[in-house]
C-alpha atoms as a PDB file:
ATOM      1  CA  MET A   1       0.000   0.000   0.000  1.00  0.00           C
ATOM      2  CA  PHE A   2       1.036   3.590  -0.527  1.00  0.00           C
ATOM      3  CA  GLU A   3       1.448   6.189   2.132  1.00  0.00           C
ATOM      4  CA  ILE A   4      -1.399   8.651   1.520  1.00  0.00           C
ATOM      5  CA  SER A   5      -2.937  11.452   3.513  1.00  0.00           C
ATOM      6  CA  ARG A   6      -5.771  10.708   5.926  1.00  0.00           C
ATOM      7  CA  ARG A   7      -8.063  12.880   3.840  1.00  0.00           C
ATOM      8  CA  SER A   8      -7.271  10.836   0.721  1.00  0.00           C
ATOM      9  CA  ALA A   9      -7.772   7.592   2.588  1.00  0.00           C
ATOM     10  CA  LEU A  10     -11.232   8.661   3.658  1.00  0.00           C
ATOM     11  CA  LYS A  11     -12.264   9.616   0.132  1.00  0.00           C
ATOM     12  CA  ILE A  12     -10.727   6.870  -1.979  1.00  0.00           C
ATOM     13  CA  VAL A  13     -11.351   3.155  -1.845  1.00  0.00           C
ATOM     14  CA  ALA A  14      -8.497   0.735  -1.422  1.00  0.00           C
ATOM     15  CA  PHE A  15      -8.225  -0.384  -5.038  1.00  0.00           C
ATOM     16  CA  THR A  16      -7.430   3.178  -6.175  1.00  0.00           C
ATOM     17  CA  ALA A  17      -4.733   3.915  -3.616  1.00  0.00           C
ATOM     18  CA  ALA A  18      -2.055   3.697  -6.294  1.00  0.00           C
ATOM     19  CA  SER A  19      -3.243   6.695  -8.280  1.00  0.00           C
ATOM     20  CA  SER A  20      -3.950   8.611  -5.061  1.00  0.00           C
ATOM     21  CA  SER A  21      -0.329   8.270  -4.000  1.00  0.00           C
ATOM     22  CA  VAL A  22       0.778   9.992  -7.198  1.00  0.00           C
ATOM     23  CA  ARG A  23      -1.411  13.021  -6.471  1.00  0.00           C
ATOM     24  CA  HIS A  24      -0.260  13.099  -2.862  1.00  0.00           C
ATOM     25  CA  ALA A  25       3.379  13.107  -3.929  1.00  0.00           C
ATOM     26  CA  LEU A  26       2.772  16.059  -6.230  1.00  0.00           C
ATOM     27  CA  ALA A  27       0.983  17.924  -3.462  1.00  0.00           C
ATOM     28  CA  GLU A  28       4.029  17.411  -1.250  1.00  0.00           C
ATOM     29  CA  GLY A  29       6.120  19.382  -3.742  1.00  0.00           C
ATOM     30  CA  THR A  30       8.334  16.562  -4.961  1.00  0.00           C
ATOM     31  CA  GLU A  31      10.004  16.436  -8.375  1.00  0.00           C
ATOM     32  CA  THR A  32       7.775  17.399 -11.296  1.00  0.00           C
ATOM     33  CA  LEU A  33       6.710  14.309 -13.263  1.00  0.00           C
ATOM     34  CA  PRO A  34       9.021  12.025 -11.255  1.00  0.00           C
ATOM     35  CA  SER A  35       8.174   8.882 -13.243  1.00  0.00           C
ATOM     36  CA  TRP A  36       9.279  10.516 -16.501  1.00  0.00           C
ATOM     37  CA  ALA A  37      12.875  10.094 -17.628  1.00  0.00           C
ATOM     38  CA  GLU A  38      14.794  13.241 -18.407  1.00  0.00           C
ATOM     39  CA  GLY A  39      14.679  13.699 -22.156  1.00  0.00           C
ATOM     40  CA  ASP A  40      12.952  15.325 -25.080  1.00  0.00           C
ATOM     41  CA  ALA A  41       9.409  14.187 -24.238  1.00  0.00           C
ATOM     42  CA  LYS A  42       9.450  15.457 -20.659  1.00  0.00           C
ATOM     43  CA  ALA A  43      11.205  18.669 -21.712  1.00  0.00           C
ATOM     44  CA  ARG A  44       8.541  19.369 -24.344  1.00  0.00           C
ATOM     45  CA  ILE A  45       5.741  18.906 -21.807  1.00  0.00           C
ATOM     46  CA  LEU A  46       7.355  21.218 -19.263  1.00  0.00           C
ATOM     47  CA  GLU A  47       8.147  23.861 -21.881  1.00  0.00           C
ATOM     48  CA  PHE A  48       4.602  23.814 -23.267  1.00  0.00           C
ATOM     49  CA  VAL A  49       3.036  24.213 -19.835  1.00  0.00           C
ATOM     50  CA  ALA A  50       5.435  26.993 -18.889  1.00  0.00           C
ATOM     51  CA  ALA A  51       4.809  28.849 -22.149  1.00  0.00           C
ATOM     52  CA  THR A  52       1.029  28.675 -21.904  1.00  0.00           C
ATOM     53  CA  THR A  53       0.708  29.477 -18.193  1.00  0.00           C
ATOM     54  CA  THR A  54       3.278  32.243 -17.690  1.00  0.00           C
ATOM     55  CA  LYS A  55       1.799  35.721 -17.867  1.00  0.00           C
ATOM     56  CA  GLY A  56       3.707  37.866 -20.313  1.00  0.00           C
ATOM     57  CA  SER A  57       4.611  34.884 -22.467  1.00  0.00           C
ATOM     58  CA  PRO A  58       3.604  35.305 -26.134  1.00  0.00           C
ATOM     59  CA  ASP A  59       1.931  31.876 -25.839  1.00  0.00           C
ATOM     60  CA  PHE A  60       0.042  32.614 -22.616  1.00  0.00           C
ATOM     61  CA  VAL A  61      -3.441  31.066 -22.488  1.00  0.00           C
ATOM     62  CA  GLU A  62      -6.101  32.202 -20.044  1.00  0.00           C
ATOM     63  CA  PRO A  63      -7.101  29.448 -17.574  1.00  0.00           C
ATOM     64  CA  ALA A  64     -10.615  29.195 -19.022  1.00  0.00           C
ATOM     65  CA  ALA A  65      -9.158  28.096 -22.368  1.00  0.00           C
ATOM     66  CA  ARG A  66      -6.641  25.616 -20.976  1.00  0.00           C
ATOM     67  CA  ILE A  67      -8.390  22.440 -22.078  1.00  0.00           C
ATOM     68  CA  ALA A  68      -6.524  19.119 -22.174  1.00  0.00           C
ATOM     69  CA  VAL A  69      -8.072  15.892 -23.500  1.00  0.00           C
ATOM     70  CA  PHE A  70      -6.869  12.344 -22.892  1.00  0.00           C
ATOM     71  CA  ASP A  71      -7.834   9.116 -24.554  1.00  0.00           C
ATOM     72  CA  ASN A  72      -8.333   6.341 -21.996  1.00  0.00           C
ATOM     73  CA  ASP A  73      -7.561   2.853 -23.363  1.00  0.00           C
ATOM     74  CA  GLY A  74      -3.862   2.547 -24.073  1.00  0.00           C
ATOM     75  CA  THR A  75      -3.224   6.137 -22.982  1.00  0.00           C
ATOM     76  CA  LEU A  76      -4.203   6.159 -19.310  1.00  0.00           C
ATOM     77  CA  TRP A  77      -4.323   2.404 -18.677  1.00  0.00           C
ATOM     78  CA  GLY A  78      -3.486  -0.817 -20.472  1.00  0.00           C
ATOM     79  CA  GLU A  79      -5.529  -2.137 -23.394  1.00  0.00           C
ATOM     80  CA  GLN A  80      -3.899  -5.535 -23.918  1.00  0.00           C
ATOM     81  CA  PRO A  81      -4.779  -8.340 -24.395  1.00  0.00           C
ATOM     82  CA  MET A  82      -8.104  -6.535 -25.004  1.00  0.00           C
ATOM     83  CA  TYR A  83      -9.974  -3.379 -24.001  1.00  0.00           C
ATOM     84  CA  VAL A  84     -11.103  -3.601 -20.389  1.00  0.00           C
ATOM     85  CA  GLN A  85     -14.668  -2.761 -21.345  1.00  0.00           C
ATOM     86  CA  LEU A  86     -14.600  -5.621 -23.831  1.00  0.00           C
ATOM     87  CA  ALA A  87     -13.646  -8.027 -21.041  1.00  0.00           C
ATOM     88  CA  PHE A  88     -16.606  -6.651 -19.095  1.00  0.00           C
ATOM     89  CA  ALA A  89     -18.961  -7.173 -22.061  1.00  0.00           C
ATOM     90  CA  LEU A  90     -17.657 -10.677 -22.776  1.00  0.00           C
ATOM     91  CA  ASP A  91     -18.456 -11.770 -19.234  1.00  0.00           C
ATOM     92  CA  ARG A  92     -22.004 -10.555 -19.668  1.00  0.00           C
ATOM     93  CA  VAL A  93     -22.484 -12.113 -23.136  1.00  0.00           C
ATOM     94  CA  ARG A  94     -21.400 -15.543 -21.905  1.00  0.00           C
ATOM     95  CA  GLN A  95     -23.679 -15.228 -18.900  1.00  0.00           C
ATOM     96  CA  LEU A  96     -26.742 -14.356 -20.992  1.00  0.00           C
ATOM     97  CA  ALA A  97     -26.044 -16.488 -24.075  1.00  0.00           C
ATOM     98  CA  PRO A  98     -28.396 -19.353 -23.111  1.00  0.00           C
ATOM     99  CA  GLN A  99     -31.284 -16.870 -23.249  1.00  0.00           C
ATOM    100  CA  HIS A 100     -30.308 -15.642 -26.739  1.00  0.00           C
ATOM    101  CA  PRO A 101     -29.847 -18.493 -29.262  1.00  0.00           C
ATOM    102  CA  GLU A 102     -29.849 -15.886 -32.064  1.00  0.00           C
ATOM    103  CA  TRP A 103     -26.423 -14.730 -30.897  1.00  0.00           C
ATOM    104  CA  GLN A 104     -24.888 -17.917 -32.287  1.00  0.00           C
ATOM    105  CA  THR A 105     -25.284 -16.517 -35.813  1.00  0.00           C
ATOM    106  CA  THR A 106     -25.170 -12.748 -35.181  1.00  0.00           C
ATOM    107  CA  GLU A 107     -21.986 -10.664 -35.035  1.00  0.00           C
ATOM    108  CA  PRO A 108     -20.269  -9.598 -32.891  1.00  0.00           C
ATOM    109  CA  PHE A 109     -21.902 -12.105 -30.518  1.00  0.00           C
ATOM    110  CA  LYS A 110     -20.982 -15.051 -32.745  1.00  0.00           C
ATOM    111  CA  SER A 111     -17.283 -14.194 -32.526  1.00  0.00           C
ATOM    112  CA  VAL A 112     -17.513 -13.782 -28.762  1.00  0.00           C
ATOM    113  CA  LEU A 113     -19.112 -17.183 -28.227  1.00  0.00           C
ATOM    114  CA  SER A 114     -16.671 -18.933 -30.583  1.00  0.00           C
ATOM    115  CA  GLY A 115     -13.661 -17.315 -28.945  1.00  0.00           C
ATOM    116  CA  ASP A 116     -12.683 -15.444 -32.117  1.00  0.00           C
ATOM    117  CA  MET A 117     -11.064 -12.352 -30.605  1.00  0.00           C
ATOM    118  CA  ALA A 118      -9.823 -11.173 -33.996  1.00  0.00           C
ATOM    119  CA  GLY A 119     -13.426 -11.124 -35.186  1.00  0.00           C
ATOM    120  CA  VAL A 120     -14.507  -9.263 -32.070  1.00  0.00           C
ATOM    121  CA  ALA A 121     -11.713  -6.728 -32.549  1.00  0.00           C
ATOM    122  CA  ALA A 122     -12.703  -6.252 -36.191  1.00  0.00           C
ATOM    123  CA  SER A 123     -16.102  -4.989 -35.062  1.00  0.00           C
ATOM    124  CA  GLY A 124     -14.362  -1.974 -33.497  1.00  0.00           C
ATOM    125  CA  GLU A 125     -15.871   0.434 -30.993  1.00  0.00           C
ATOM    126  CA  ARG A 126     -19.292   0.010 -32.599  1.00  0.00           C
ATOM    127  CA  GLY A 127     -19.227  -3.732 -32.005  1.00  0.00           C
ATOM    128  CA  LEU A 128     -18.136  -3.220 -28.404  1.00  0.00           C
ATOM    129  CA  LEU A 129     -20.954  -0.780 -27.832  1.00  0.00           C
ATOM    130  CA  GLU A 130     -23.436  -3.197 -29.412  1.00  0.00           C
ATOM    131  CA  LEU A 131     -22.337  -5.859 -26.942  1.00  0.00           C
ATOM    132  CA  VAL A 132     -22.793  -3.552 -23.983  1.00  0.00           C
ATOM    133  CA  ALA A 133     -26.093  -2.201 -25.271  1.00  0.00           C
ATOM    134  CA  ALA A 134     -27.586  -5.631 -25.859  1.00  0.00           C
ATOM    135  CA  THR A 135     -26.429  -7.127 -22.574  1.00  0.00           C
ATOM    136  CA  HIS A 136     -27.438  -4.219 -20.350  1.00  0.00           C
ATOM    137  CA  ALA A 137     -30.533  -2.848 -22.037  1.00  0.00           C
ATOM    138  CA  GLY A 138     -33.656  -2.230 -19.980  1.00  0.00           C
ATOM    139  CA  MET A 139     -31.871  -1.474 -16.736  1.00  0.00           C
ATOM    140  CA  SER A 140     -31.604   1.950 -15.154  1.00  0.00           C
ATOM    141  CA  ALA A 141     -28.459   4.064 -15.241  1.00  0.00           C
ATOM    142  CA  GLU A 142     -28.043   3.474 -11.508  1.00  0.00           C
ATOM    143  CA  GLU A 143     -28.294  -0.292 -11.925  1.00  0.00           C
ATOM    144  CA  PHE A 144     -25.693  -0.242 -14.684  1.00  0.00           C
ATOM    145  CA  GLU A 145     -23.386   1.943 -12.605  1.00  0.00           C
ATOM    146  CA  LYS A 146     -23.479  -0.572  -9.756  1.00  0.00           C
ATOM    147  CA  ILE A 147     -22.763  -3.472 -12.114  1.00  0.00           C
ATOM    148  CA  VAL A 148     -19.753  -1.617 -13.536  1.00  0.00           C
ATOM    149  CA  SER A 149     -18.440  -0.586 -10.110  1.00  0.00           C
ATOM    150  CA  ASP A 150     -18.717  -4.131  -8.746  1.00  0.00           C
ATOM    151  CA  TRP A 151     -17.065  -5.610 -11.830  1.00  0.00           C
ATOM    152  CA  ILE A 152     -14.155  -3.133 -11.819  1.00  0.00           C
ATOM    153  CA  GLU A 153     -13.493  -3.783  -8.159  1.00  0.00           C
ATOM    154  CA  GLY A 154     -13.787  -7.559  -8.356  1.00  0.00           C
ATOM    155  CA  SER A 155     -12.332  -8.506 -11.753  1.00  0.00           C
ATOM    156  CA  ARG A 156      -8.701  -9.255 -12.438  1.00  0.00           C
ATOM    157  CA  HIS A 157      -6.377  -8.797 -15.401  1.00  0.00           C
ATOM    158  CA  PRO A 158      -5.946 -12.155 -17.198  1.00  0.00           C
ATOM    159  CA  THR A 159      -2.143 -11.897 -17.295  1.00  0.00           C
ATOM    160  CA  SER A 160      -1.106 -10.246 -14.041  1.00  0.00           C
ATOM    161  CA  GLY A 161      -3.982 -11.365 -11.840  1.00  0.00           C
ATOM    162  CA  LYS A 162      -4.144  -7.840 -10.422  1.00  0.00           C
ATOM    163  CA  PRO A 163      -7.145  -5.494 -10.497  1.00  0.00           C
ATOM    164  CA  TYR A 164      -7.486  -3.687 -13.823  1.00  0.00           C
ATOM    165  CA  THR A 165      -6.985  -0.430 -11.943  1.00  0.00           C
ATOM    166  CA  ALA A 166      -3.461  -1.586 -11.063  1.00  0.00           C
ATOM    167  CA  HIS A 167      -2.681  -1.205 -14.778  1.00  0.00           C
ATOM    168  CA  ILE A 168      -3.091   2.552 -14.915  1.00  0.00           C
ATOM    169  CA  PHE A 169      -0.005   4.377 -16.145  1.00  0.00           C
ATOM    170  CA  GLN A 170       1.623   6.262 -13.315  1.00  0.00           C
ATOM    171  CA  PRO A 171       3.422   8.776 -15.599  1.00  0.00           C
ATOM    172  CA  MET A 172       0.100   9.764 -17.170  1.00  0.00           C
ATOM    173  CA  VAL A 173      -1.622  10.189 -13.803  1.00  0.00           C
ATOM    174  CA  GLU A 174       1.267  12.457 -12.809  1.00  0.00           C
ATOM    175  CA  LEU A 175       0.763  14.387 -16.037  1.00  0.00           C
ATOM    176  CA  ILE A 176      -2.953  14.835 -15.331  1.00  0.00           C
ATOM    177  CA  ASP A 177      -2.210  16.221 -11.898  1.00  0.00           C
ATOM    178  CA  TYR A 178       0.546  18.465 -13.216  1.00  0.00           C
ATOM    179  CA  LEU A 179      -1.833  19.982 -15.757  1.00  0.00           C
ATOM    180  CA  LYS A 180      -4.576  20.431 -13.153  1.00  0.00           C
ATOM    181  CA  ALA A 181      -2.087  22.119 -10.824  1.00  0.00           C
ATOM    182  CA  ASN A 182      -1.457  24.586 -13.673  1.00  0.00           C
ATOM    183  CA  GLU A 183      -5.179  25.347 -14.062  1.00  0.00           C
ATOM    184  CA  PHE A 184      -5.908  23.090 -16.994  1.00  0.00           C
ATOM    185  CA  ALA A 185      -9.358  21.550 -17.241  1.00  0.00           C
ATOM    186  CA  VAL A 186      -8.699  17.877 -17.962  1.00  0.00           C
ATOM    187  CA  PHE A 187     -11.153  15.655 -19.844  1.00  0.00           C
ATOM    188  CA  ILE A 188     -11.209  12.026 -20.902  1.00  0.00           C
ATOM    189  CA  VAL A 189     -12.314  11.643 -24.536  1.00  0.00           C
ATOM    190  CA  SER A 190     -12.531   7.938 -25.236  1.00  0.00           C
ATOM    191  CA  GLY A 191     -14.052   5.475 -27.663  1.00  0.00           C
ATOM    192  CA  GLY A 192     -15.110   3.483 -24.612  1.00  0.00           C
ATOM    193  CA  GLY A 193     -18.596   3.739 -23.205  1.00  0.00           C
ATOM    194  CA  VAL A 194     -19.160   6.906 -21.211  1.00  0.00           C
ATOM    195  CA  GLU A 195     -21.336   5.117 -18.645  1.00  0.00           C
ATOM    196  CA  PHE A 196     -18.696   2.414 -18.242  1.00  0.00           C
ATOM    197  CA  MET A 197     -16.014   4.980 -17.349  1.00  0.00           C
ATOM    198  CA  ARG A 198     -17.875   7.510 -15.223  1.00  0.00           C
ATOM    199  CA  PRO A 199     -18.378   5.305 -12.140  1.00  0.00           C
ATOM    200  CA  TRP A 200     -14.628   5.044 -11.467  1.00  0.00           C
ATOM    201  CA  THR A 201     -12.597   7.745 -13.305  1.00  0.00           C
ATOM    202  CA  GLU A 202     -12.678  10.172 -10.389  1.00  0.00           C
ATOM    203  CA  ARG A 203     -11.413   7.553  -7.944  1.00  0.00           C
ATOM    204  CA  VAL A 204      -8.692   6.336 -10.282  1.00  0.00           C
ATOM    205  CA  TYR A 205      -7.554   9.433 -12.207  1.00  0.00           C
ATOM    206  CA  GLY A 206      -9.109  12.321 -10.306  1.00  0.00           C
ATOM    207  CA  ILE A 207     -11.272  13.161 -13.330  1.00  0.00           C
ATOM    208  CA  PRO A 208     -14.937  13.685 -12.364  1.00  0.00           C
ATOM    209  CA  PRO A 209     -17.767  12.072 -14.358  1.00  0.00           C
ATOM    210  CA  GLU A 210     -18.849  15.375 -15.904  1.00  0.00           C
ATOM    211  CA  ASN A 211     -15.389  15.572 -17.530  1.00  0.00           C
ATOM    212  CA  VAL A 212     -15.737  12.234 -19.307  1.00  0.00           C
ATOM    213  CA  VAL A 213     -16.755  12.095 -22.980  1.00  0.00           C
ATOM    214  CA  GLY A 214     -17.299   8.711 -24.572  1.00  0.00           C
ATOM    215  CA  SER A 215     -19.409   6.530 -26.800  1.00  0.00           C
ATOM    216  CA  SER A 216     -23.001   6.128 -25.693  1.00  0.00           C
ATOM    217  CA  ILE A 217     -26.184   4.184 -26.202  1.00  0.00           C
ATOM    218  CA  LYS A 218     -29.636   5.717 -26.289  1.00  0.00           C
ATOM    219  CA  THR A 219     -31.547   6.237 -23.072  1.00  0.00           C
ATOM    220  CA  LYS A 220     -35.000   7.424 -22.130  1.00  0.00           C
ATOM    221  CA  TYR A 221     -36.669   8.996 -19.141  1.00  0.00           C
ATOM    222  CA  GLU A 222     -39.518   7.062 -17.594  1.00  0.00           C
ATOM    223  CA  LEU A 223     -41.298   6.299 -14.347  1.00  0.00           C
ATOM    224  CA  ARG A 224     -40.498   2.882 -12.919  1.00  0.00           C
ATOM    225  CA  ASP A 225     -42.787   1.873 -10.056  1.00  0.00           C
ATOM    226  CA  GLY A 226     -43.586   5.539  -9.660  1.00  0.00           C
ATOM    227  CA  HIS A 227     -39.944   6.627  -9.468  1.00  0.00           C
ATOM    228  CA  PRO A 228     -38.133   8.676 -12.180  1.00  0.00           C
ATOM    229  CA  ALA A 229     -35.410   6.722 -13.966  1.00  0.00           C
ATOM    230  CA  ILE A 230     -33.065   6.953 -16.936  1.00  0.00           C
ATOM    231  CA  THR A 231     -33.430   3.642 -18.762  1.00  0.00           C
ATOM    232  CA  ARG A 232     -30.893   2.160 -21.167  1.00  0.00           C
ATOM    233  CA  LEU A 233     -32.013   1.161 -24.663  1.00  0.00           C
ATOM    234  CA  PRO A 234     -30.398  -1.437 -26.995  1.00  0.00           C
ATOM    235  CA  GLU A 235     -29.486   1.214 -29.574  1.00  0.00           C
ATOM    236  CA  ILE A 236     -26.237   3.053 -30.287  1.00  0.00           C
ATOM    237  CA  ASP A 237     -26.405   6.816 -29.886  1.00  0.00           C
ATOM    238  CA  PHE A 238     -22.850   8.113 -30.526  1.00  0.00           C
ATOM    239  CA  ILE A 239     -19.442   6.595 -31.385  1.00  0.00           C
ATOM    240  CA  ASP A 240     -16.666   8.686 -29.864  1.00  0.00           C
ATOM    241  CA  ASP A 241     -13.779   7.318 -31.898  1.00  0.00           C
ATOM    242  CA  GLY A 242     -11.711   8.518 -34.857  1.00  0.00           C
ATOM    243  CA  PRO A 243     -13.470  11.520 -36.456  1.00  0.00           C
ATOM    244  CA  GLY A 244     -16.134  11.199 -33.779  1.00  0.00           C
ATOM    245  CA  LYS A 245     -13.723  12.486 -31.141  1.00  0.00           C
ATOM    246  CA  PRO A 246     -13.536  16.097 -32.401  1.00  0.00           C
ATOM    247  CA  VAL A 247     -17.315  15.996 -32.813  1.00  0.00           C
ATOM    248  CA  GLY A 248     -17.696  14.799 -29.239  1.00  0.00           C
ATOM    249  CA  ILE A 249     -15.332  17.491 -27.974  1.00  0.00           C
ATOM    250  CA  HIS A 250     -17.290  20.175 -29.800  1.00  0.00           C
ATOM    251  CA  LYS A 251     -20.621  18.788 -28.659  1.00  0.00           C
ATOM    252  CA  PHE A 252     -19.887  18.068 -25.008  1.00  0.00           C
ATOM    253  CA  ILE A 253     -16.975  20.348 -24.069  1.00  0.00           C
ATOM    254  CA  GLY A 254     -17.630  23.321 -26.331  1.00  0.00           C
ATOM    255  CA  ARG A 255     -14.012  24.515 -26.598  1.00  0.00           C
ATOM    256  CA  ARG A 256     -11.163  23.374 -28.820  1.00  0.00           C
ATOM    257  CA  PRO A 257      -8.452  21.854 -26.581  1.00  0.00           C
ATOM    258  CA  ILE A 258      -4.910  23.141 -26.582  1.00  0.00           C
ATOM    259  CA  ALA A 259      -3.439  19.766 -25.582  1.00  0.00           C
ATOM    260  CA  ALA A 260      -4.377  16.230 -26.637  1.00  0.00           C
ATOM    261  CA  PHE A 261      -2.937  12.887 -25.581  1.00  0.00           C
ATOM    262  CA  GLY A 262      -3.557   9.549 -27.301  1.00  0.00           C
ATOM    263  CA  ASN A 263      -1.910   6.304 -28.336  1.00  0.00           C
ATOM    264  CA  SER A 264      -3.603   4.969 -31.459  1.00  0.00           C
ATOM    265  CA  ASP A 265      -4.889   5.956 -34.870  1.00  0.00           C
ATOM    266  CA  GLY A 266      -8.316   6.217 -33.278  1.00  0.00           C
ATOM    267  CA  ASP A 267      -6.956   9.351 -31.613  1.00  0.00           C
ATOM    268  CA  PHE A 268      -5.509  10.843 -34.802  1.00  0.00           C
ATOM    269  CA  GLU A 269      -8.365  13.241 -35.561  1.00  0.00           C
ATOM    270  CA  MET A 270      -8.477  14.394 -31.935  1.00  0.00           C
ATOM    271  CA  LEU A 271      -4.814  15.374 -32.072  1.00  0.00           C
ATOM    272  CA  GLU A 272      -5.251  16.850 -35.547  1.00  0.00           C
ATOM    273  CA  TRP A 273      -8.206  18.995 -34.426  1.00  0.00           C
ATOM    274  CA  THR A 274      -6.414  20.137 -31.288  1.00  0.00           C
ATOM    275  CA  THR A 275      -3.148  21.133 -32.917  1.00  0.00           C
ATOM    276  CA  ALA A 276      -4.851  22.867 -35.869  1.00  0.00           C
ATOM    277  CA  GLY A 277      -6.258  25.538 -33.573  1.00  0.00           C
ATOM    278  CA  PRO A 278      -4.922  29.082 -33.231  1.00  0.00           C
ATOM    279  CA  GLY A 279      -2.117  29.725 -30.780  1.00  0.00           C
ATOM    280  CA  ARG A 280       0.176  27.285 -28.992  1.00  0.00           C
ATOM    281  CA  SER A 281      -0.943  23.661 -28.837  1.00  0.00           C
ATOM    282  CA  PHE A 282       0.459  20.265 -27.937  1.00  0.00           C
ATOM    283  CA  GLY A 283      -0.107  16.737 -29.254  1.00  0.00           C
ATOM    284  CA  LEU A 284       1.357  13.583 -27.704  1.00  0.00           C
ATOM    285  CA  ILE A 285       1.220   9.893 -28.661  1.00  0.00           C
ATOM    286  CA  VAL A 286       2.107   7.116 -26.237  1.00  0.00           C
ATOM    287  CA  HIS A 287       4.016   4.429 -28.158  1.00  0.00           C
ATOM    288  CA  HIS A 288       3.812   0.960 -26.648  1.00  0.00           C
ATOM    289  CA  ASP A 289       7.316  -0.365 -27.263  1.00  0.00           C
ATOM    290  CA  ASP A 290       8.192  -1.983 -23.937  1.00  0.00           C
ATOM    291  CA  ALA A 291       7.598  -5.737 -24.098  1.00  0.00           C
ATOM    292  CA  GLN A 292       9.267  -6.325 -20.739  1.00  0.00           C
ATOM    293  CA  ARG A 293       7.369  -3.940 -18.471  1.00  0.00           C
ATOM    294  CA  GLU A 294       4.133  -3.559 -20.469  1.00  0.00           C
ATOM    295  CA  ASN A 295       3.486  -4.575 -24.110  1.00  0.00           C
ATOM    296  CA  ALA A 296       5.062  -3.902 -27.499  1.00  0.00           C
ATOM    297  CA  TYR A 297       2.601  -3.292 -30.333  1.00  0.00           C
ATOM    298  CA  ASP A 298       1.656  -0.723 -32.952  1.00  0.00           C
ATOM    299  CA  ARG A 299       0.936  -1.263 -36.675  1.00  0.00           C
ATOM    300  CA  ASP A 300      -0.420  -4.811 -36.577  1.00  0.00           C
ATOM    301  CA  SER A 301      -2.330  -4.799 -33.304  1.00  0.00           C
ATOM    302  CA  HIS A 302      -6.018  -5.691 -33.131  1.00  0.00           C
ATOM    303  CA  PHE A 303      -6.372  -3.248 -30.246  1.00  0.00           C
ATOM    304  CA  GLY A 304      -4.770   0.189 -30.265  1.00  0.00           C
ATOM    305  CA  ARG A 305      -3.356   0.024 -33.791  1.00  0.00           C
ATOM    306  CA  LEU A 306      -0.857   2.814 -34.411  1.00  0.00           C
ATOM    307  CA  ALA A 307       0.414   3.394 -37.942  1.00  0.00           C
ATOM    308  CA  ARG A 308      -0.626   6.764 -39.342  1.00  0.00           C
ATOM    309  CA  GLY A 309       0.261   8.464 -36.074  1.00  0.00           C
ATOM    310  CA  LEU A 310       3.803   7.091 -36.219  1.00  0.00           C
ATOM    311  CA  ASP A 311       4.164   8.099 -39.853  1.00  0.00           C
ATOM    312  CA  GLU A 312       2.919  11.672 -39.477  1.00  0.00           C
ATOM    313  CA  ALA A 313       3.721  12.696 -35.904  1.00  0.00           C
ATOM    314  CA  SER A 314       7.067  14.289 -36.690  1.00  0.00           C
ATOM    315  CA  ALA A 315       5.764  16.413 -39.579  1.00  0.00           C
ATOM    316  CA  ARG A 316       2.860  17.578 -37.428  1.00  0.00           C
ATOM    317  CA  GLY A 317       5.070  18.463 -34.470  1.00  0.00           C
ATOM    318  CA  TRP A 318       3.551  15.865 -32.174  1.00  0.00           C
ATOM    319  CA  THR A 319       5.584  14.264 -29.404  1.00  0.00           C
ATOM    320  CA  ILE A 320       5.982  10.480 -29.448  1.00  0.00           C
ATOM    321  CA  VAL A 321       6.555   9.011 -26.008  1.00  0.00           C
ATOM    322  CA  SER A 322       8.496   5.759 -25.824  1.00  0.00           C
ATOM    323  CA  ILE A 323       7.297   3.776 -22.830  1.00  0.00           C
ATOM    324  CA  LYS A 324      10.620   1.939 -22.881  1.00  0.00           C
ATOM    325  CA  ASN A 325      12.796   5.044 -22.844  1.00  0.00           C
ATOM    326  CA  ASP A 326      10.679   7.897 -21.489  1.00  0.00           C
ATOM    327  CA  TRP A 327       9.019   6.283 -18.482  1.00  0.00           C
ATOM    328  CA  LYS A 328      11.021   5.258 -15.419  1.00  0.00           C
ATOM    329  CA  VAL A 329       7.971   3.472 -14.043  1.00  0.00           C
ATOM    330  CA  VAL A 330       4.941   2.146 -15.918  1.00  0.00           C
ATOM    331  CA  TYR A 331       2.452   1.123 -13.231  1.00  0.00           C
ATOM    332  CA  PRO A 332       2.081   2.403  -9.660  1.00  0.00           C
ATOM    333  CA  GLU A 333       4.291   0.354  -7.375  1.00  0.00           C
END
């Protein structure tokens, strides 16, 4: 366990103590971004923040316009051997399959039940959302939130055997807190389901639910046994991936960010939109190249494929972070 303040201990459940310790260390005034190796990537981050937050600087940005957006899967926590939300959906599909014989011949359910993960991955964020929509339709938002919270707390990563929340990236949590300390408003903008993330992002990353933008299914307001409820429907509403990310930012945040952080080609348009704005901006891609401490994958991966971003990052002025070389630590210890 980490040494954390009494106040933090009262507010944060045990399985999120790792990320809490990072914030506590920053509050104690220790080294800035201590899990980042000294080098070009860290230097670029520090220089960008200094330039945009120092009054009198030609690149100074008023606090109200300091918007930073982070992808979640592969950027803030691990996404191998599959997206965490996919693992959640697979559990539910297998549980309910006996009640749905039609799933044996309907994608992406067919691939799930046959163990064809390549087929599941090929369905993309839309397929993932279809799985979640179909397996959790008809319940209230509160019921779904409890199911997610219980699953996140009780499930374990198939390789490490640790809670999924133990696979958050400590350097990125430090970066979130560093930006917040410099009056940036920090948002998650993810292809994952917004209602899957909101129950736990504040405990794990310090990002409140109202600062989470994600894919969504349709819902409706109704009275259930005389009580108002938001009920989930088995229909996709919005896919927050690829070109959908700038649309989601515009729709739900209402300001163009000045900093964007991703790890895959699904984040390309988000970085492109962010860095095309007027004034100083910053784009960063996390490159998974550390097979020993995490995973090594990019162009050929079913999850988190990164090709165009690698090819064009340099010309666009984006920073590529090597997990192997730029991070002293990957996960909270």
